[in-house]
C-alpha atoms as a PDB file:
ATOM      1  CA  MET A   1      32.201  53.328  73.073  1.00  0.00           C
ATOM      2  CA  ASN A   2      30.688  53.924  75.040  1.00  0.00           C
ATOM      3  CA  LYS A   3      33.248  52.730  77.330  1.00  0.00           C
ATOM      4  CA  VAL A   4      35.733  54.382  75.335  1.00  0.00           C
ATOM      5  CA  ILE A   5      34.557  58.244  75.196  1.00  0.00           C
ATOM      6  CA  GLN A   6      33.868  57.788  78.704  1.00  0.00           C
ATOM      7  CA  GLU A   7      38.005  57.223  79.044  1.00  0.00           C
ATOM      8  CA  LEU A   8      39.212  59.459  77.272  1.00  0.00           C
ATOM      9  CA  TYR A   9      36.759  61.884  78.658  1.00  0.00           C
ATOM     10  CA  GLU A  10      38.615  60.925  82.171  1.00  0.00           C
ATOM     11  CA  ILE A  11      42.168  61.448  80.471  1.00  0.00           C
ATOM     12  CA  GLU A  12      41.603  63.711  79.660  1.00  0.00           C
ATOM     13  CA  ALA A  13      40.025  64.818  83.432  1.00  0.00           C
ATOM     14  CA  GLN A  14      43.749  63.482  84.386  1.00  0.00           C
ATOM     15  CA  ALA A  15      45.362  65.638  82.224  1.00  0.00           C
ATOM     16  CA  GLY A  16      44.053  68.973  82.916  1.00  0.00           C
ATOM     17  CA  GLU A  17      44.343  68.153  86.467  1.00  0.00           C
ATOM     18  CA  ILE A  18      48.417  67.210  85.465  1.00  0.00           C
ATOM     19  CA  MET A  19      48.466  70.830  83.942  1.00  0.00           C
ATOM     20  CA  GLN A  20      47.034  72.796  86.653  1.00  0.00           C
ATOM     21  CA  SER A  21      49.559  70.564  89.244  1.00  0.00           C
ATOM     22  CA  ALA A  22      52.417  71.085  87.200  1.00  0.00           C
ATOM     23  CA  ASP A  23      51.639  74.848  86.370  1.00  0.00           C
ATOM     24  CA  MET A  24      50.413  75.233  90.805  1.00  0.00           C
ATOM     25  CA  ARG A  25      54.051  73.715  90.734  1.00  0.00           C
ATOM     26  CA  GLN A  26      55.686  76.037  88.332  1.00  0.00           C
ATOM     27  CA  LYS A  27      54.104  79.297  89.866  1.00  0.00           C
ATOM     28  CA  VAL A  28      55.189  77.698  93.197  1.00  0.00           C
ATOM     29  CA  ILE A  29      59.487  77.499  93.058  1.00  0.00           C
ATOM     30  CA  GLN A  30      59.556  79.991  90.728  1.00  0.00           C
ATOM     31  CA  GLU A  31      58.634  81.918  94.126  1.00  0.00           C
ATOM     32  CA  GLU A  32      60.965  80.189  95.387  1.00  0.00           C
ATOM     33  CA  ASN A  33      63.426  80.985  93.364  1.00  0.00           C
ATOM     34  CA  ARG A  34      62.495  84.932  93.614  1.00  0.00           C
ATOM     35  CA  LYS A  35      63.528  84.590  97.655  1.00  0.00           C
ATOM     36  CA  LYS A  36      65.964  83.346  96.866  1.00  0.00           C
ATOM     37  CA  MET A  37      67.910  86.137  95.009  1.00  0.00           C
ATOM     38  CA  GLU A  38      66.243  88.268  96.325  1.00  0.00           C
ATOM     39  CA  GLU A  39      68.181  86.360  99.417  1.00  0.00           C
ATOM     40  CA  VAL A  40      71.738  85.924  97.478  1.00  0.00           C
ATOM     41  CA  SER A  41      71.464  89.813  96.518  1.00  0.00           C
ATOM     42  CA  LEU A  42      71.053  90.676  99.843  1.00  0.00           C
ATOM     43  CA  GLY A  43      73.534  89.170 101.016  1.00  0.00           C
ATOM     44  CA  LEU A  44      75.952  90.654  98.090  1.00  0.00           C
ATOM     45  CA  LYS A  45      74.706  94.103  99.275  1.00  0.00           C
ATOM     46  CA  GLY A  46      75.295  93.420 103.164  1.00  0.00           C
ATOM     47  CA  GLU A  47      78.951  92.045 101.315  1.00  0.00           C
ATOM     48  CA  MET A  48      79.927  94.942  99.366  1.00  0.00           C
ATOM     49  CA  GLU A  49      78.888  97.288 101.612  1.00  0.00           C
ATOM     50  CA  GLY A  50      81.077  96.076 104.414  1.00  0.00           C
ATOM     51  CA  ARG A  51      84.166  95.479 101.588  1.00  0.00           C
ATOM     52  CA  LEU A  52      84.151  98.742 100.823  1.00  0.00           C
ATOM     53  CA  THR A  53      83.709 100.426 104.192  1.00  0.00           C
ATOM     54  CA  ILE A  54      86.722  98.391 105.345  1.00  0.00           C
ATOM     55  CA  LEU A  55      88.584  99.652 101.544  1.00  0.00           C
ATOM     56  CA  LYS A  56      87.271 103.231 102.615  1.00  0.00           C
ATOM     57  CA  THR A  57      88.922 102.646 106.079  1.00  0.00           C
ATOM     58  CA  GLN A  58      92.333 101.585 104.827  1.00  0.00           C
ATOM     59  CA  LEU A  59      92.196 103.996 102.316  1.00  0.00           C
ATOM     60  CA  GLU A  60      91.500 106.620 105.006  1.00  0.00           C
ATOM     61  CA  GLU A  61      94.982 104.845 106.876  1.00  0.00           C
ATOM     62  CA  GLN A  62      97.134 105.598 104.773  1.00  0.00           C
ATOM     63  CA  LYS A  63      95.656 109.647 103.716  1.00  0.00           C
ATOM     64  CA  ALA A  64      96.084 110.050 107.064  1.00  0.00           C
ATOM     65  CA  ARG A  65      99.766 108.125 106.719  1.00  0.00           C
ATOM     66  CA  GLU A  66     100.271 110.222 104.020  1.00  0.00           C
ATOM     67  CA  LEU A  67      99.603 113.147 105.193  1.00  0.00           C
ATOM     68  CA  ALA A  68     102.117 112.384 108.292  1.00  0.00           C
ATOM     69  CA  GLN A  69     104.712 111.901 106.130  1.00  0.00           C
ATOM     70  CA  VAL A  70     103.774 115.196 103.633  1.00  0.00           C
ATOM     71  CA  GLU A  71     103.522 117.489 107.165  1.00  0.00           C
ATOM     72  CA  GLU A  72     107.170 116.216 108.462  1.00  0.00           C
ATOM     73  CA  ARG A  73     108.867 116.799 105.070  1.00  0.00           C
ATOM     74  CA  ASN A  74     107.660 119.834 105.274  1.00  0.00           C
ATOM     75  CA  LYS A  75     108.374 120.784 108.753  1.00  0.00           C
ATOM     76  CA  LYS A  76     111.809 119.685 108.022  1.00  0.00           C
ATOM     77  CA  GLN A  77     111.908 121.798 104.847  1.00  0.00           C
ATOM     78  CA  ILE A  78     111.007 124.730 106.689  1.00  0.00           C
ATOM     79  CA  GLU A  79     113.271 123.933 109.728  1.00  0.00           C
ATOM     80  CA  GLU A  80     115.976 123.740 106.845  1.00  0.00           C
ATOM     81  CA  ILE A  81     115.114 126.974 104.664  1.00  0.00           C
ATOM     82  CA  GLU A  82     114.889 128.751 108.377  1.00  0.00           C
ATOM     83  CA  ARG A  83     119.195 127.564 109.790  1.00  0.00           C
ATOM     84  CA  SER A  84     120.092 128.741 106.239  1.00  0.00           C
ATOM     85  CA  TYR A  85     118.218 131.566 106.877  1.00  0.00           C
ATOM     86  CA  ARG A  86     119.600 133.023 109.619  1.00  0.00           C
ATOM     87  CA  GLN A  87     123.202 131.373 108.567  1.00  0.00           C
ATOM     88  CA  ASP A  88     122.860 133.616 105.086  1.00  0.00           C
ATOM     89  CA  LEU A  89     121.669 136.706 107.029  1.00  0.00           C
ATOM     90  CA  ASP A  90     124.710 136.636 109.781  1.00  0.00           C
ATOM     91  CA  LYS A  91     126.590 136.083 106.529  1.00  0.00           C
ATOM     92  CA  LEU A  92     125.198 138.969 105.139  1.00  0.00           C
ATOM     93  CA  ALA A  93     125.127 141.495 107.971  1.00  0.00           C
ATOM     94  CA  GLN A  94     128.687 140.588 107.627  1.00  0.00           C
ATOM     95  CA  GLU A  95     129.164 141.790 104.502  1.00  0.00           C
ATOM     96  CA  ILE A  96     126.457 145.180 105.120  1.00  0.00           C
ATOM     97  CA  VAL A  97     129.093 145.847 107.891  1.00  0.00           C
ATOM     98  CA  ALA A  98     132.144 145.667 106.560  1.00  0.00           C
ATOM     99  CA  ARG A  99     131.038 147.289 103.588  1.00  0.00           C
ATOM    100  CA  ILE A 100     130.122 150.750 106.118  1.00  0.00           C
ATOM    101  CA  THR A 101     134.023 149.967 107.590  1.00  0.00           C
ATOM    102  CA  LYS A 102     135.893 150.230 104.300  1.00  0.00           C
ATOM    103  CA  VAL A 103     133.916 153.440 103.472  1.00  0.00           C
END
């Protein structure tokens, strides 16, 4: 009977050691997972920053192209208005001179 009790104590002690070992292993795994998550998070953050930089550059280039196009259109419109104004000014001046000389 003593032997059985002794063996039960040994089994209980072994079970306690197994539980402690499992608990320690769980803590190690949790720490490893935490570090991996941090690494993944930093990697994703870096990747997103890189992509955002590329997108920002592309948008700036697109904005510059569109602005140049608008400036060119505006320049052509201004030139057309000035040309039209010069032509109409000559016509108006001729009409005024013609009216004055008729009187």
